Amino acid sequence: MNHELKEKREVSGIQPLNAETLSLINGFLSYLTVERGLSKNTVQSYYLDLKGFLGYLENGQASRVKGPVFFARQDIVNYMGRLKDNKYSASSVCRFISSVKGFCRFLIIEKLIAEDPSENLKMPKQWERLP
């Protein structure tokens, strides 16, 4: 399965991901497919979650932006809040957390980070919906 991803300018105005970020994501997607044996749909979901989060980091929304592997726990928490504010379901946020946790494990395996910023993140409870 070829995971070479080409970025297109999004209608939302978010700039395409840079080459370094795409390279890391492609490596992670290959890891998910080859090492973990995840399905094509699951891998695609992880890609979309990471593309949104890393695009958020690249577009200066994060507390400290120095590249795709330099994000803090607070950046993850802030992005989760943004998902909630945009009315994402709790199950979508849980999938995002799983995607980020998997990406962080991959970065540790590849020795790109020493500590996991996603460690001990709590999955959200069902958010109450207002009528």
N, C-alpha and C. Protein backbone atom coordinates (compact mmCIF):
# COMPACT_ATOMS: atom_id res chain seq x y z
N MET A 1 0.84 -1.18 0.00
CA MET A 1 0.00 0.00 0.00
C MET A 1 0.89 1.24 0.00
N ASN A 2 0.64 2.14 -0.91
CA ASN A 2 1.45 3.36 -1.01
C ASN A 2 0.82 4.47 -0.19
N HIS A 3 1.60 5.01 0.74
CA HIS A 3 1.10 6.06 1.62
C HIS A 3 1.63 7.43 1.26
N GLU A 4 2.18 7.58 0.07
CA GLU A 4 2.69 8.90 -0.31
C GLU A 4 1.49 9.82 -0.50
N LEU A 5 1.41 10.82 0.33
CA LEU A 5 0.27 11.73 0.32
C LEU A 5 0.65 13.05 -0.29
N LYS A 6 -0.17 13.53 -1.16
CA LYS A 6 0.04 14.83 -1.76
C LYS A 6 -0.99 15.78 -1.17
N GLU A 7 -0.51 16.92 -0.74
CA GLU A 7 -1.39 17.90 -0.13
C GLU A 7 -1.97 18.84 -1.17
N LYS A 8 -3.21 19.22 -0.98
CA LYS A 8 -3.87 20.23 -1.80
C LYS A 8 -4.32 21.34 -0.87
N ARG A 9 -4.40 22.53 -1.39
CA ARG A 9 -4.89 23.66 -0.59
C ARG A 9 -6.33 23.36 -0.21
N GLU A 10 -6.62 23.46 1.06
CA GLU A 10 -7.95 23.17 1.57
C GLU A 10 -8.89 24.34 1.33
N VAL A 11 -10.14 24.05 1.16
CA VAL A 11 -11.15 25.09 1.00
C VAL A 11 -11.21 25.95 2.26
N SER A 12 -10.90 25.36 3.41
CA SER A 12 -10.95 26.08 4.68
C SER A 12 -9.88 27.15 4.80
N GLY A 13 -8.90 27.15 3.90
CA GLY A 13 -7.84 28.14 3.95
C GLY A 13 -6.60 27.68 4.70
N ILE A 14 -6.63 26.50 5.29
CA ILE A 14 -5.45 25.99 5.98
C ILE A 14 -4.42 25.59 4.93
N GLN A 15 -3.21 26.03 5.14
CA GLN A 15 -2.15 25.76 4.18
C GLN A 15 -1.81 24.27 4.19
N PRO A 16 -1.30 23.75 3.07
CA PRO A 16 -0.86 22.35 3.04
C PRO A 16 0.25 22.10 4.05
N LEU A 17 0.36 20.87 4.51
CA LEU A 17 1.40 20.50 5.47
C LEU A 17 2.76 20.54 4.78
N ASN A 18 3.79 20.89 5.56
CA ASN A 18 5.13 20.96 4.98
C ASN A 18 5.69 19.55 4.74
N ALA A 19 6.78 19.48 3.99
CA ALA A 19 7.37 18.19 3.59
C ALA A 19 7.82 17.36 4.78
N GLU A 20 8.40 18.00 5.80
CA GLU A 20 8.85 17.27 6.99
C GLU A 20 7.68 16.60 7.70
N THR A 21 6.60 17.35 7.84
CA THR A 21 5.40 16.81 8.49
C THR A 21 4.81 15.67 7.68
N LEU A 22 4.70 15.85 6.37
CA LEU A 22 4.18 14.78 5.51
C LEU A 22 5.03 13.53 5.58
N SER A 23 6.34 13.70 5.64
CA SER A 23 7.24 12.56 5.74
C SER A 23 7.00 11.78 7.03
N LEU A 24 6.84 12.49 8.14
CA LEU A 24 6.55 11.82 9.42
C LEU A 24 5.22 11.09 9.38
N ILE A 25 4.20 11.75 8.82
CA ILE A 25 2.88 11.11 8.74
C ILE A 25 2.96 9.87 7.85
N ASN A 26 3.64 9.97 6.71
CA ASN A 26 3.77 8.80 5.83
C ASN A 26 4.46 7.64 6.53
N GLY A 27 5.50 7.94 7.30
CA GLY A 27 6.18 6.89 8.07
C GLY A 27 5.25 6.26 9.09
N PHE A 28 4.46 7.08 9.76
CA PHE A 28 3.50 6.59 10.75
C PHE A 28 2.44 5.72 10.08
N LEU A 29 1.92 6.16 8.93
CA LEU A 29 0.89 5.38 8.24
C LEU A 29 1.44 4.03 7.77
N SER A 30 2.68 4.01 7.32
CA SER A 30 3.31 2.74 6.94
C SER A 30 3.45 1.83 8.16
N TYR A 31 3.85 2.41 9.28
CA TYR A 31 3.96 1.67 10.54
C TYR A 31 2.61 1.05 10.92
N LEU A 32 1.54 1.84 10.81
CA LEU A 32 0.20 1.35 11.16
C LEU A 32 -0.21 0.19 10.26
N THR A 33 0.11 0.29 8.99
CA THR A 33 -0.28 -0.74 8.03
C THR A 33 0.57 -1.99 8.15
N VAL A 34 1.89 -1.81 8.17
CA VAL A 34 2.81 -2.95 8.14
C VAL A 34 2.98 -3.58 9.52
N GLU A 35 3.31 -2.78 10.50
CA GLU A 35 3.62 -3.31 11.84
C GLU A 35 2.37 -3.64 12.65
N ARG A 36 1.37 -2.79 12.55
CA ARG A 36 0.17 -2.99 13.37
C ARG A 36 -0.95 -3.70 12.63
N GLY A 37 -0.89 -3.75 11.30
CA GLY A 37 -1.89 -4.45 10.51
C GLY A 37 -3.27 -3.81 10.55
N LEU A 38 -3.34 -2.50 10.68
CA LEU A 38 -4.63 -1.82 10.75
C LEU A 38 -5.27 -1.71 9.37
N SER A 39 -6.59 -1.63 9.36
CA SER A 39 -7.32 -1.56 8.09
C SER A 39 -7.10 -0.22 7.40
N LYS A 40 -7.38 -0.21 6.11
CA LYS A 40 -7.24 0.99 5.29
C LYS A 40 -8.09 2.14 5.85
N ASN A 41 -9.32 1.84 6.27
CA ASN A 41 -10.21 2.88 6.80
C ASN A 41 -9.68 3.45 8.12
N THR A 42 -9.14 2.60 8.97
CA THR A 42 -8.57 3.07 10.24
C THR A 42 -7.36 3.95 9.98
N VAL A 43 -6.51 3.52 9.07
CA VAL A 43 -5.31 4.30 8.73
C VAL A 43 -5.73 5.66 8.16
N GLN A 44 -6.75 5.68 7.31
CA GLN A 44 -7.25 6.94 6.75
C GLN A 44 -7.78 7.85 7.85
N SER A 45 -8.48 7.29 8.82
CA SER A 45 -8.99 8.10 9.94
C SER A 45 -7.85 8.69 10.75
N TYR A 46 -6.82 7.89 11.01
CA TYR A 46 -5.65 8.40 11.73
C TYR A 46 -5.00 9.54 10.95
N TYR A 47 -4.90 9.37 9.63
CA TYR A 47 -4.31 10.41 8.79
C TYR A 47 -5.10 11.72 8.91
N LEU A 48 -6.41 11.63 8.80
CA LEU A 48 -7.23 12.84 8.87
C LEU A 48 -7.12 13.52 10.23
N ASP A 49 -7.09 12.72 11.29
CA ASP A 49 -6.93 13.29 12.64
C ASP A 49 -5.60 14.01 12.76
N LEU A 50 -4.53 13.36 12.33
CA LEU A 50 -3.20 13.97 12.45
C LEU A 50 -3.03 15.16 11.52
N LYS A 51 -3.61 15.09 10.34
CA LYS A 51 -3.53 16.21 9.41
C LYS A 51 -4.17 17.45 10.04
N GLY A 52 -5.31 17.27 10.68
CA GLY A 52 -5.96 18.40 11.34
C GLY A 52 -5.14 18.95 12.48
N PHE A 53 -4.63 18.06 13.33
CA PHE A 53 -3.85 18.49 14.49
C PHE A 53 -2.53 19.13 14.09
N LEU A 54 -1.79 18.48 13.21
CA LEU A 54 -0.49 19.02 12.81
C LEU A 54 -0.64 20.28 11.97
N GLY A 55 -1.73 20.37 11.21
CA GLY A 55 -2.02 21.60 10.49
C GLY A 55 -2.29 22.74 11.47
N TYR A 56 -3.00 22.42 12.55
CA TYR A 56 -3.27 23.38 13.63
C TYR A 56 -1.95 23.88 14.23
N LEU A 57 -1.01 22.95 14.46
CA LEU A 57 0.29 23.34 15.00
C LEU A 57 1.07 24.21 14.02
N GLU A 58 1.07 23.80 12.75
CA GLU A 58 1.83 24.54 11.74
C GLU A 58 1.28 25.93 11.49
N ASN A 59 -0.01 26.10 11.68
CA ASN A 59 -0.63 27.39 11.41
C ASN A 59 -0.57 28.33 12.60
N GLY A 60 0.31 28.02 13.55
CA GLY A 60 0.57 28.94 14.65
C GLY A 60 -0.48 28.95 15.74
N GLN A 61 -1.32 27.93 15.80
CA GLN A 61 -2.36 27.88 16.81
C GLN A 61 -1.84 27.31 18.14
N ALA A 62 -0.66 26.72 18.11
CA ALA A 62 -0.15 26.02 19.28
C ALA A 62 0.66 26.95 20.18
N SER A 63 0.88 26.50 21.40
CA SER A 63 1.61 27.30 22.37
C SER A 63 3.08 27.44 21.99
N ARG A 64 3.65 26.42 21.38
CA ARG A 64 5.04 26.50 20.92
C ARG A 64 5.17 25.65 19.65
N VAL A 65 5.56 26.30 18.59
CA VAL A 65 5.66 25.60 17.31
C VAL A 65 7.10 25.64 16.83
N LYS A 66 7.75 24.48 16.81
CA LYS A 66 9.14 24.39 16.33
C LYS A 66 9.28 23.24 15.35
N GLY A 67 8.19 22.68 14.94
CA GLY A 67 8.22 21.54 14.03
C GLY A 67 7.19 20.52 14.47
N PRO A 68 6.93 19.53 13.64
CA PRO A 68 5.84 18.60 13.93
C PRO A 68 6.05 17.72 15.15
N VAL A 69 7.30 17.52 15.59
CA VAL A 69 7.50 16.66 16.75
C VAL A 69 7.66 17.46 18.04
N PHE A 70 7.56 18.76 17.96
CA PHE A 70 7.71 19.59 19.14
C PHE A 70 6.36 20.18 19.54
N PHE A 71 5.54 19.36 20.14
CA PHE A 71 4.29 19.85 20.67
C PHE A 71 4.16 19.37 22.10
N ALA A 72 3.41 20.13 22.86
CA ALA A 72 3.27 19.85 24.29
C ALA A 72 1.88 19.28 24.57
N ARG A 73 1.76 18.71 25.74
CA ARG A 73 0.47 18.19 26.19
C ARG A 73 -0.60 19.26 26.08
N GLN A 74 -0.26 20.49 26.46
CA GLN A 74 -1.25 21.57 26.43
C GLN A 74 -1.75 21.83 25.01
N ASP A 75 -0.89 21.64 24.00
CA ASP A 75 -1.32 21.79 22.61
C ASP A 75 -2.40 20.77 22.26
N ILE A 76 -2.22 19.54 22.74
CA ILE A 76 -3.20 18.48 22.50
C ILE A 76 -4.51 18.84 23.19
N VAL A 77 -4.42 19.26 24.45
CA VAL A 77 -5.61 19.62 25.22
C VAL A 77 -6.34 20.79 24.56
N ASN A 78 -5.59 21.79 24.11
CA ASN A 78 -6.21 22.95 23.45
C ASN A 78 -6.93 22.53 22.17
N TYR A 79 -6.31 21.63 21.41
CA TYR A 79 -6.93 21.16 20.17
C TYR A 79 -8.20 20.35 20.48
N MET A 80 -8.16 19.56 21.55
CA MET A 80 -9.35 18.82 21.97
C MET A 80 -10.48 19.79 22.30
N GLY A 81 -10.15 20.89 22.97
CA GLY A 81 -11.14 21.92 23.27
C GLY A 81 -11.72 22.53 22.01
N ARG A 82 -10.86 22.72 21.03
CA ARG A 82 -11.31 23.27 19.75
C ARG A 82 -12.28 22.30 19.07
N LEU A 83 -11.98 21.00 19.13
CA LEU A 83 -12.88 20.00 18.56
C LEU A 83 -14.24 20.06 19.27
N LYS A 84 -14.21 20.15 20.59
CA LYS A 84 -15.45 20.23 21.35
C LYS A 84 -16.23 21.49 20.98
N ASP A 85 -15.53 22.62 20.89
CA ASP A 85 -16.18 23.88 20.52
C ASP A 85 -16.82 23.81 19.13
N ASN A 86 -16.22 23.01 18.26
CA ASN A 86 -16.75 22.84 16.90
C ASN A 86 -17.76 21.70 16.81
N LYS A 87 -18.24 21.26 17.97
CA LYS A 87 -19.32 20.28 18.08
C LYS A 87 -18.96 18.88 17.58
N TYR A 88 -17.68 18.52 17.69
CA TYR A 88 -17.30 17.14 17.38
C TYR A 88 -17.85 16.24 18.47
N SER A 89 -18.25 15.05 18.10
CA SER A 89 -18.78 14.11 19.09
C SER A 89 -17.65 13.62 19.99
N ALA A 90 -18.05 13.12 21.16
CA ALA A 90 -17.06 12.57 22.09
C ALA A 90 -16.33 11.40 21.45
N SER A 91 -17.03 10.61 20.64
CA SER A 91 -16.37 9.47 19.99
C SER A 91 -15.33 9.94 18.97
N SER A 92 -15.57 11.06 18.29
CA SER A 92 -14.57 11.61 17.36
C SER A 92 -13.35 12.11 18.11
N VAL A 93 -13.57 12.73 19.26
CA VAL A 93 -12.45 13.22 20.07
C VAL A 93 -11.66 12.03 20.62
N CYS A 94 -12.35 10.97 21.02
CA CYS A 94 -11.65 9.76 21.49
C CYS A 94 -10.78 9.17 20.39
N ARG A 95 -11.30 9.15 19.15
CA ARG A 95 -10.50 8.66 18.03
C ARG A 95 -9.29 9.55 17.81
N PHE A 96 -9.47 10.87 17.91
CA PHE A 96 -8.35 11.80 17.78
C PHE A 96 -7.28 11.49 18.83
N ILE A 97 -7.71 11.28 20.08
CA ILE A 97 -6.75 10.97 21.15
C ILE A 97 -6.00 9.68 20.83
N SER A 98 -6.71 8.67 20.35
CA SER A 98 -6.05 7.42 19.96
C SER A 98 -5.03 7.65 18.85
N SER A 99 -5.39 8.50 17.89
CA SER A 99 -4.48 8.82 16.78
C SER A 99 -3.22 9.50 17.30
N VAL A 100 -3.39 10.48 18.16
CA VAL A 100 -2.24 11.23 18.69
C VAL A 100 -1.38 10.34 19.58
N LYS A 101 -2.02 9.50 20.41
CA LYS A 101 -1.26 8.59 21.26
C LYS A 101 -0.42 7.63 20.40
N GLY A 102 -1.03 7.10 19.35
CA GLY A 102 -0.30 6.21 18.45
C GLY A 102 0.85 6.92 17.76
N PHE A 103 0.62 8.16 17.34
CA PHE A 103 1.67 8.95 16.69
C PHE A 103 2.81 9.21 17.66
N CYS A 104 2.48 9.52 18.90
CA CYS A 104 3.52 9.76 19.91
C CYS A 104 4.33 8.49 20.17
N ARG A 105 3.66 7.34 20.25
CA ARG A 105 4.39 6.07 20.42
C ARG A 105 5.34 5.84 19.25
N PHE A 106 4.87 6.13 18.04
CA PHE A 106 5.71 6.00 16.85
C PHE A 106 6.92 6.93 16.94
N LEU A 107 6.72 8.16 17.37
CA LEU A 107 7.83 9.12 17.50
C LEU A 107 8.85 8.65 18.53
N ILE A 108 8.38 8.01 19.60
CA ILE A 108 9.29 7.46 20.61
C ILE A 108 10.07 6.28 20.03
N ILE A 109 9.38 5.37 19.33
CA ILE A 109 10.05 4.23 18.70
C ILE A 109 11.13 4.71 17.74
N GLU A 110 10.84 5.76 17.00
CA GLU A 110 11.79 6.31 16.03
C GLU A 110 12.84 7.22 16.68
N LYS A 111 12.75 7.35 18.01
CA LYS A 111 13.68 8.18 18.79
C LYS A 111 13.67 9.66 18.36
N LEU A 112 12.47 10.13 18.01
CA LEU A 112 12.31 11.53 17.63
C LEU A 112 11.88 12.38 18.82
N ILE A 113 11.30 11.73 19.82
CA ILE A 113 10.97 12.39 21.08
C ILE A 113 11.36 11.46 22.22
N ALA A 114 11.64 12.04 23.38
CA ALA A 114 12.02 11.23 24.54
C ALA A 114 10.84 11.00 25.48
N GLU A 115 9.94 11.96 25.56
CA GLU A 115 8.79 11.86 26.45
C GLU A 115 7.50 11.98 25.65
N ASP A 116 6.49 11.28 26.11
CA ASP A 116 5.21 11.24 25.41
C ASP A 116 4.28 12.34 25.93
N PRO A 117 4.00 13.38 25.12
CA PRO A 117 3.11 14.44 25.57
C PRO A 117 1.65 14.00 25.69
N SER A 118 1.32 12.83 25.13
CA SER A 118 -0.06 12.35 25.20
C SER A 118 -0.29 11.41 26.38
N GLU A 119 0.78 11.15 27.14
CA GLU A 119 0.67 10.22 28.27
C GLU A 119 -0.39 10.68 29.25
N ASN A 120 -1.21 9.74 29.70
CA ASN A 120 -2.25 9.97 30.70
C ASN A 120 -3.36 10.92 30.25
N LEU A 121 -3.52 11.13 28.94
CA LEU A 121 -4.66 11.91 28.48
C LEU A 121 -5.93 11.13 28.76
N LYS A 122 -6.92 11.79 29.24
CA LYS A 122 -8.19 11.15 29.55
C LYS A 122 -9.13 11.25 28.36
N MET A 123 -9.83 10.17 28.12
CA MET A 123 -10.86 10.18 27.09
C MET A 123 -12.05 10.97 27.61
N PRO A 124 -12.68 11.77 26.76
CA PRO A 124 -13.82 12.57 27.23
C PRO A 124 -15.03 11.68 27.51
N LYS A 125 -15.81 12.11 28.48
CA LYS A 125 -17.08 11.45 28.73
C LYS A 125 -18.06 12.01 27.70
N GLN A 126 -19.18 11.35 27.56
CA GLN A 126 -20.18 11.87 26.64
C GLN A 126 -20.52 13.29 27.05
N TRP A 127 -20.35 14.20 26.11
CA TRP A 127 -20.70 15.59 26.40
C TRP A 127 -22.21 15.73 26.33
N GLU A 128 -22.73 16.52 27.24
CA GLU A 128 -24.16 16.76 27.26
C GLU A 128 -24.54 17.64 26.09
N ARG A 129 -25.58 17.25 25.39
CA ARG A 129 -26.06 18.06 24.28
C ARG A 129 -27.26 18.87 24.75
N LEU A 130 -27.24 20.11 24.38
CA LEU A 130 -28.37 20.98 24.72
C LEU A 130 -29.45 20.85 23.66
N PRO A 131 -30.70 20.95 24.09
CA PRO A 131 -31.80 20.82 23.11
C PRO A 131 -31.83 21.98 22.14
